[in-house]
Amino acid sequence: MPSIQIDLPLDLPASSKQELAARFGQIYAERMAVNADLLTVSIHDLGHGGVWRCHEDGAPTPSALIMCDIRSGRPRETRAALAQALIDTCVDLFELDRLWIKVEFTQHTGDEMYHPHLGGFNKDWTGDERG
């Protein structure tokens, strides 16, 4: 952790998934003030009809869902900027309807994220961590 999981109503080749992961990593590092090597991106291409947004009246709409597991402590504005940049990337790469791309955040303390390359648990968020 941190991690981003995205459910897409698409079938994607590995090269498109790699490009999406690279762009998400760059965006995450910039917006969240960390080095990109902390981020894991999981891309679930569920195919046409694989992700839907429900409505009170009418049929569900094809959708996408982005789940962000992050360390707690970032201001609301920082998380909003990250969410919008991730949505913009999906619109740019896959021509998805931005209205139906949802971003959800789950926030954790540093000791809920174990990184072998860091020698164990992460630390709590304290500010800009880029080296």
N, C-alpha and C. Protein backbone atom coordinates (compact mmCIF):
# COMPACT_ATOMS: atom_id res chain seq x y z
N MET A 1 0.84 -1.15 0.00
CA MET A 1 0.00 0.00 0.00
C MET A 1 0.90 1.22 0.00
N PRO A 2 0.59 2.24 -0.66
CA PRO A 2 -0.68 2.55 -1.27
C PRO A 2 -0.95 1.67 -2.49
N SER A 3 -2.23 1.58 -2.82
CA SER A 3 -2.59 0.84 -4.02
C SER A 3 -3.79 1.48 -4.68
N ILE A 4 -3.86 1.28 -5.98
CA ILE A 4 -5.00 1.70 -6.77
C ILE A 4 -5.49 0.47 -7.51
N GLN A 5 -6.77 0.19 -7.37
CA GLN A 5 -7.42 -0.87 -8.13
C GLN A 5 -8.46 -0.21 -9.01
N ILE A 6 -8.50 -0.61 -10.28
CA ILE A 6 -9.48 -0.03 -11.18
C ILE A 6 -10.23 -1.14 -11.89
N ASP A 7 -11.56 -1.04 -11.85
CA ASP A 7 -12.45 -1.95 -12.57
C ASP A 7 -12.93 -1.21 -13.82
N LEU A 8 -12.67 -1.80 -14.98
CA LEU A 8 -13.00 -1.17 -16.25
C LEU A 8 -13.93 -2.05 -17.08
N PRO A 9 -14.86 -1.43 -17.82
CA PRO A 9 -15.75 -2.19 -18.69
C PRO A 9 -15.11 -2.40 -20.07
N LEU A 10 -13.86 -2.85 -20.07
CA LEU A 10 -13.07 -2.97 -21.30
C LEU A 10 -12.29 -4.28 -21.31
N ASP A 11 -11.80 -4.64 -22.49
CA ASP A 11 -10.80 -5.70 -22.66
C ASP A 11 -9.54 -5.02 -23.15
N LEU A 12 -8.46 -5.10 -22.38
CA LEU A 12 -7.25 -4.35 -22.70
C LEU A 12 -6.06 -5.26 -22.92
N PRO A 13 -5.19 -4.91 -23.88
CA PRO A 13 -3.92 -5.61 -24.01
C PRO A 13 -2.97 -5.20 -22.88
N ALA A 14 -1.98 -6.02 -22.63
CA ALA A 14 -1.01 -5.75 -21.55
C ALA A 14 -0.34 -4.39 -21.73
N SER A 15 -0.07 -3.98 -22.96
CA SER A 15 0.59 -2.70 -23.19
C SER A 15 -0.27 -1.52 -22.72
N SER A 16 -1.57 -1.60 -22.90
CA SER A 16 -2.46 -0.54 -22.42
C SER A 16 -2.53 -0.52 -20.90
N LYS A 17 -2.52 -1.70 -20.29
CA LYS A 17 -2.51 -1.77 -18.83
C LYS A 17 -1.21 -1.19 -18.27
N GLN A 18 -0.10 -1.49 -18.92
CA GLN A 18 1.19 -0.96 -18.47
C GLN A 18 1.22 0.56 -18.59
N GLU A 19 0.67 1.10 -19.69
CA GLU A 19 0.62 2.55 -19.86
C GLU A 19 -0.25 3.19 -18.78
N LEU A 20 -1.40 2.59 -18.50
CA LEU A 20 -2.28 3.11 -17.45
C LEU A 20 -1.57 3.09 -16.10
N ALA A 21 -0.91 1.99 -15.78
CA ALA A 21 -0.19 1.88 -14.51
C ALA A 21 0.92 2.93 -14.42
N ALA A 22 1.64 3.16 -15.51
CA ALA A 22 2.71 4.15 -15.51
C ALA A 22 2.15 5.55 -15.28
N ARG A 23 1.06 5.87 -15.95
CA ARG A 23 0.46 7.20 -15.79
C ARG A 23 -0.12 7.38 -14.39
N PHE A 24 -0.79 6.35 -13.87
CA PHE A 24 -1.30 6.42 -12.50
C PHE A 24 -0.15 6.60 -11.51
N GLY A 25 0.96 5.89 -11.73
CA GLY A 25 2.12 6.01 -10.83
C GLY A 25 2.70 7.41 -10.83
N GLN A 26 2.81 8.00 -12.00
CA GLN A 26 3.34 9.36 -12.10
C GLN A 26 2.39 10.36 -11.43
N ILE A 27 1.10 10.23 -11.71
CA ILE A 27 0.11 11.11 -11.10
C ILE A 27 0.12 10.97 -9.59
N TYR A 28 0.13 9.73 -9.11
CA TYR A 28 0.10 9.49 -7.67
C TYR A 28 1.33 10.10 -6.99
N ALA A 29 2.50 9.86 -7.55
CA ALA A 29 3.73 10.39 -6.97
C ALA A 29 3.69 11.92 -6.89
N GLU A 30 3.23 12.56 -7.96
CA GLU A 30 3.18 14.03 -7.98
C GLU A 30 2.15 14.58 -7.00
N ARG A 31 0.94 14.06 -7.05
CA ARG A 31 -0.15 14.62 -6.24
C ARG A 31 -0.01 14.29 -4.75
N MET A 32 0.52 13.10 -4.46
CA MET A 32 0.58 12.65 -3.07
C MET A 32 1.96 12.84 -2.43
N ALA A 33 2.90 13.41 -3.18
CA ALA A 33 4.23 13.77 -2.68
C ALA A 33 4.98 12.57 -2.10
N VAL A 34 5.05 11.50 -2.90
CA VAL A 34 5.81 10.31 -2.53
C VAL A 34 6.58 9.82 -3.75
N ASN A 35 7.45 8.87 -3.53
CA ASN A 35 8.12 8.20 -4.65
C ASN A 35 7.18 7.15 -5.21
N ALA A 36 7.17 6.99 -6.52
CA ALA A 36 6.24 6.08 -7.19
C ALA A 36 6.45 4.62 -6.79
N ASP A 37 7.62 4.26 -6.27
CA ASP A 37 7.88 2.85 -5.96
C ASP A 37 7.05 2.32 -4.80
N LEU A 38 6.27 3.17 -4.13
CA LEU A 38 5.37 2.71 -3.08
C LEU A 38 4.04 2.21 -3.64
N LEU A 39 3.70 2.61 -4.86
CA LEU A 39 2.36 2.36 -5.40
C LEU A 39 2.28 1.04 -6.17
N THR A 40 1.20 0.31 -5.92
CA THR A 40 0.84 -0.87 -6.70
C THR A 40 -0.47 -0.56 -7.41
N VAL A 41 -0.52 -0.86 -8.71
CA VAL A 41 -1.73 -0.63 -9.51
C VAL A 41 -2.25 -1.98 -9.99
N SER A 42 -3.52 -2.22 -9.73
CA SER A 42 -4.18 -3.46 -10.15
C SER A 42 -5.30 -3.08 -11.11
N ILE A 43 -5.24 -3.63 -12.33
CA ILE A 43 -6.19 -3.28 -13.38
C ILE A 43 -7.06 -4.48 -13.68
N HIS A 44 -8.35 -4.30 -13.45
CA HIS A 44 -9.32 -5.37 -13.70
C HIS A 44 -10.12 -4.98 -14.93
N ASP A 45 -9.77 -5.53 -16.07
CA ASP A 45 -10.54 -5.27 -17.29
C ASP A 45 -11.61 -6.35 -17.38
N LEU A 46 -12.82 -5.96 -17.03
CA LEU A 46 -13.92 -6.90 -16.86
C LEU A 46 -14.75 -7.09 -18.12
N GLY A 47 -14.37 -6.41 -19.19
CA GLY A 47 -15.07 -6.56 -20.46
C GLY A 47 -16.36 -5.76 -20.51
N HIS A 48 -16.89 -5.66 -21.73
CA HIS A 48 -18.14 -4.93 -21.95
C HIS A 48 -19.23 -5.50 -21.05
N GLY A 49 -19.88 -4.62 -20.32
CA GLY A 49 -20.93 -5.06 -19.41
C GLY A 49 -20.43 -5.52 -18.06
N GLY A 50 -19.15 -5.28 -17.76
CA GLY A 50 -18.57 -5.76 -16.51
C GLY A 50 -18.69 -4.82 -15.32
N VAL A 51 -18.99 -3.53 -15.55
CA VAL A 51 -19.10 -2.55 -14.46
C VAL A 51 -20.29 -1.64 -14.77
N TRP A 52 -21.17 -1.49 -13.78
CA TRP A 52 -22.39 -0.72 -13.98
C TRP A 52 -22.63 0.26 -12.83
N ARG A 53 -23.22 1.43 -13.14
CA ARG A 53 -23.69 2.38 -12.14
C ARG A 53 -25.21 2.29 -12.13
N CYS A 54 -25.78 2.05 -10.96
CA CYS A 54 -27.23 1.92 -10.83
C CYS A 54 -27.88 3.29 -10.71
N HIS A 55 -29.14 3.37 -11.11
CA HIS A 55 -29.91 4.61 -11.06
C HIS A 55 -31.28 4.32 -10.47
N GLU A 56 -31.86 5.32 -9.84
CA GLU A 56 -33.20 5.19 -9.28
C GLU A 56 -34.21 4.88 -10.38
N ASP A 57 -34.13 5.63 -11.45
CA ASP A 57 -35.06 5.47 -12.58
C ASP A 57 -34.26 5.11 -13.82
N GLY A 58 -34.56 3.98 -14.41
CA GLY A 58 -33.90 3.62 -15.64
C GLY A 58 -32.87 2.54 -15.47
N ALA A 59 -32.30 2.16 -16.59
CA ALA A 59 -31.33 1.07 -16.63
C ALA A 59 -29.97 1.53 -16.12
N PRO A 60 -29.19 0.62 -15.55
CA PRO A 60 -27.82 0.96 -15.14
C PRO A 60 -26.98 1.44 -16.33
N THR A 61 -25.97 2.25 -16.02
CA THR A 61 -25.08 2.84 -17.01
C THR A 61 -23.70 2.19 -16.92
N PRO A 62 -23.07 1.87 -18.07
CA PRO A 62 -21.68 1.39 -18.01
C PRO A 62 -20.82 2.38 -17.23
N SER A 63 -19.93 1.85 -16.40
CA SER A 63 -19.19 2.69 -15.47
C SER A 63 -17.78 2.16 -15.28
N ALA A 64 -17.00 2.86 -14.46
CA ALA A 64 -15.68 2.40 -14.02
C ALA A 64 -15.55 2.77 -12.54
N LEU A 65 -14.75 2.00 -11.81
CA LEU A 65 -14.56 2.23 -10.38
C LEU A 65 -13.08 2.20 -10.06
N ILE A 66 -12.61 3.25 -9.40
CA ILE A 66 -11.21 3.35 -8.98
C ILE A 66 -11.18 3.36 -7.45
N MET A 67 -10.50 2.38 -6.87
CA MET A 67 -10.37 2.27 -5.42
C MET A 67 -8.92 2.64 -5.04
N CYS A 68 -8.77 3.62 -4.16
CA CYS A 68 -7.46 4.09 -3.72
C CYS A 68 -7.28 3.79 -2.24
N ASP A 69 -6.37 2.91 -1.92
CA ASP A 69 -5.98 2.66 -0.53
C ASP A 69 -4.73 3.48 -0.26
N ILE A 70 -4.85 4.44 0.65
CA ILE A 70 -3.77 5.39 0.90
C ILE A 70 -3.53 5.53 2.39
N ARG A 71 -2.38 6.14 2.73
CA ARG A 71 -2.15 6.51 4.12
C ARG A 71 -3.00 7.72 4.47
N SER A 72 -3.52 7.74 5.66
CA SER A 72 -4.33 8.87 6.10
C SER A 72 -3.46 10.11 6.29
N GLY A 73 -4.10 11.26 6.19
CA GLY A 73 -3.40 12.51 6.47
C GLY A 73 -3.43 13.52 5.35
N ARG A 74 -3.76 13.10 4.13
CA ARG A 74 -3.80 14.05 3.02
C ARG A 74 -5.07 14.89 3.11
N PRO A 75 -4.94 16.19 2.82
CA PRO A 75 -6.13 17.04 2.83
C PRO A 75 -7.14 16.62 1.76
N ARG A 76 -8.36 16.97 1.99
CA ARG A 76 -9.45 16.68 1.05
C ARG A 76 -9.12 17.20 -0.35
N GLU A 77 -8.54 18.41 -0.44
CA GLU A 77 -8.21 19.00 -1.73
C GLU A 77 -7.17 18.19 -2.48
N THR A 78 -6.22 17.61 -1.77
CA THR A 78 -5.20 16.77 -2.40
C THR A 78 -5.83 15.50 -2.96
N ARG A 79 -6.72 14.90 -2.17
CA ARG A 79 -7.40 13.69 -2.65
C ARG A 79 -8.31 13.99 -3.83
N ALA A 80 -8.97 15.14 -3.81
CA ALA A 80 -9.82 15.53 -4.94
C ALA A 80 -9.00 15.74 -6.21
N ALA A 81 -7.83 16.36 -6.08
CA ALA A 81 -6.96 16.58 -7.24
C ALA A 81 -6.47 15.24 -7.80
N LEU A 82 -6.13 14.30 -6.91
CA LEU A 82 -5.72 12.97 -7.37
C LEU A 82 -6.88 12.30 -8.09
N ALA A 83 -8.05 12.31 -7.50
CA ALA A 83 -9.21 11.66 -8.11
C ALA A 83 -9.48 12.22 -9.50
N GLN A 84 -9.47 13.55 -9.63
CA GLN A 84 -9.76 14.16 -10.93
C GLN A 84 -8.71 13.80 -11.96
N ALA A 85 -7.43 13.77 -11.56
CA ALA A 85 -6.36 13.40 -12.49
C ALA A 85 -6.49 11.94 -12.94
N LEU A 86 -6.88 11.05 -12.04
CA LEU A 86 -7.08 9.65 -12.41
C LEU A 86 -8.25 9.52 -13.39
N ILE A 87 -9.33 10.23 -13.11
CA ILE A 87 -10.49 10.22 -14.02
C ILE A 87 -10.08 10.77 -15.38
N ASP A 88 -9.38 11.89 -15.40
CA ASP A 88 -8.94 12.49 -16.67
C ASP A 88 -8.09 11.52 -17.49
N THR A 89 -7.26 10.74 -16.82
CA THR A 89 -6.42 9.76 -17.51
C THR A 89 -7.27 8.68 -18.15
N CYS A 90 -8.28 8.21 -17.45
CA CYS A 90 -9.17 7.18 -18.02
C CYS A 90 -9.95 7.72 -19.21
N VAL A 91 -10.38 8.96 -19.13
CA VAL A 91 -11.08 9.58 -20.26
C VAL A 91 -10.14 9.72 -21.45
N ASP A 92 -8.91 10.16 -21.19
CA ASP A 92 -7.92 10.35 -22.24
C ASP A 92 -7.53 9.04 -22.92
N LEU A 93 -7.25 8.02 -22.12
CA LEU A 93 -6.77 6.75 -22.68
C LEU A 93 -7.88 5.89 -23.29
N PHE A 94 -9.05 5.90 -22.67
CA PHE A 94 -10.08 4.93 -23.04
C PHE A 94 -11.41 5.55 -23.48
N GLU A 95 -11.47 6.90 -23.52
CA GLU A 95 -12.68 7.60 -23.94
C GLU A 95 -13.91 7.20 -23.13
N LEU A 96 -13.70 7.00 -21.83
CA LEU A 96 -14.81 6.69 -20.94
C LEU A 96 -15.57 7.97 -20.60
N ASP A 97 -16.81 7.85 -20.23
CA ASP A 97 -17.63 8.99 -19.83
C ASP A 97 -17.26 9.37 -18.40
N ARG A 98 -16.66 10.54 -18.23
CA ARG A 98 -16.16 10.97 -16.91
C ARG A 98 -17.26 11.01 -15.85
N LEU A 99 -18.50 11.21 -16.27
CA LEU A 99 -19.59 11.28 -15.33
C LEU A 99 -19.80 9.98 -14.57
N TRP A 100 -19.39 8.86 -15.16
CA TRP A 100 -19.65 7.54 -14.57
C TRP A 100 -18.38 6.84 -14.10
N ILE A 101 -17.32 7.60 -13.85
CA ILE A 101 -16.10 7.05 -13.25
C ILE A 101 -16.08 7.49 -11.79
N LYS A 102 -16.16 6.53 -10.89
CA LYS A 102 -16.22 6.82 -9.45
C LYS A 102 -14.87 6.50 -8.82
N VAL A 103 -14.43 7.36 -7.91
CA VAL A 103 -13.18 7.15 -7.16
C VAL A 103 -13.53 7.08 -5.68
N GLU A 104 -13.07 6.02 -5.02
CA GLU A 104 -13.27 5.86 -3.58
C GLU A 104 -11.92 5.75 -2.89
N PHE A 105 -11.83 6.37 -1.71
CA PHE A 105 -10.61 6.34 -0.91
C PHE A 105 -10.85 5.56 0.37
N THR A 106 -9.89 4.72 0.73
CA THR A 106 -9.82 4.09 2.03
C THR A 106 -8.48 4.52 2.62
N GLN A 107 -8.51 5.08 3.83
CA GLN A 107 -7.30 5.62 4.43
C GLN A 107 -6.83 4.73 5.58
N HIS A 108 -5.51 4.57 5.66
CA HIS A 108 -4.89 3.67 6.62
C HIS A 108 -3.73 4.36 7.34
N THR A 109 -3.40 3.88 8.51
CA THR A 109 -2.16 4.32 9.18
C THR A 109 -0.99 3.59 8.51
N GLY A 110 0.20 4.12 8.70
CA GLY A 110 1.38 3.53 8.07
C GLY A 110 1.62 2.09 8.47
N ASP A 111 1.28 1.72 9.70
CA ASP A 111 1.56 0.36 10.16
C ASP A 111 0.54 -0.66 9.64
N GLU A 112 -0.33 -0.24 8.73
CA GLU A 112 -1.22 -1.16 8.04
C GLU A 112 -0.73 -1.47 6.62
N MET A 113 0.51 -1.02 6.32
CA MET A 113 1.10 -1.22 5.00
C MET A 113 2.50 -1.78 5.17
N TYR A 114 2.70 -2.98 4.70
CA TYR A 114 3.99 -3.66 4.86
C TYR A 114 4.71 -3.69 3.51
N HIS A 115 5.91 -3.13 3.46
CA HIS A 115 6.72 -3.04 2.25
C HIS A 115 8.06 -3.74 2.49
N PRO A 116 8.28 -4.92 1.94
CA PRO A 116 9.58 -5.56 2.11
C PRO A 116 10.75 -4.68 1.67
N HIS A 117 10.57 -3.91 0.58
CA HIS A 117 11.69 -3.07 0.11
C HIS A 117 11.98 -1.90 1.05
N LEU A 118 11.06 -1.60 1.98
CA LEU A 118 11.31 -0.58 3.00
C LEU A 118 11.80 -1.20 4.30
N GLY A 119 11.86 -2.51 4.35
CA GLY A 119 12.29 -3.20 5.55
C GLY A 119 11.18 -3.45 6.54
N GLY A 120 9.92 -3.33 6.10
CA GLY A 120 8.80 -3.61 7.00
C GLY A 120 7.66 -2.63 6.81
N PHE A 121 7.09 -2.25 7.93
CA PHE A 121 5.92 -1.37 7.88
C PHE A 121 6.30 0.03 7.42
N ASN A 122 5.35 0.68 6.79
CA ASN A 122 5.51 2.06 6.38
C ASN A 122 5.37 2.94 7.62
N LYS A 123 5.61 4.22 7.46
CA LYS A 123 5.42 5.17 8.57
C LYS A 123 4.17 5.98 8.28
N ASP A 124 3.66 6.66 9.26
CA ASP A 124 2.51 7.53 9.07
C ASP A 124 2.91 8.69 8.17
N TRP A 125 1.91 9.24 7.46
CA TRP A 125 2.14 10.36 6.55
C TRP A 125 2.50 11.60 7.35
N THR A 126 3.60 12.29 6.93
CA THR A 126 4.02 13.51 7.63
C THR A 126 4.23 14.67 6.70
N GLY A 127 4.23 14.45 5.41
CA GLY A 127 4.47 15.54 4.45
C GLY A 127 5.17 15.01 3.22
N ASP A 128 5.79 15.88 2.46
CA ASP A 128 6.45 15.52 1.20
C ASP A 128 7.56 14.50 1.49
N GLU A 129 7.47 13.35 0.83
CA GLU A 129 8.41 12.26 1.08
C GLU A 129 9.30 11.95 -0.13
N ARG A 130 9.22 12.78 -1.15
CA ARG A 130 10.04 12.51 -2.33
C ARG A 130 11.50 12.73 -2.01
N GLY A 131 12.31 11.80 -2.51
CA GLY A 131 13.74 11.86 -2.21
C GLY A 131 14.53 12.74 -3.11
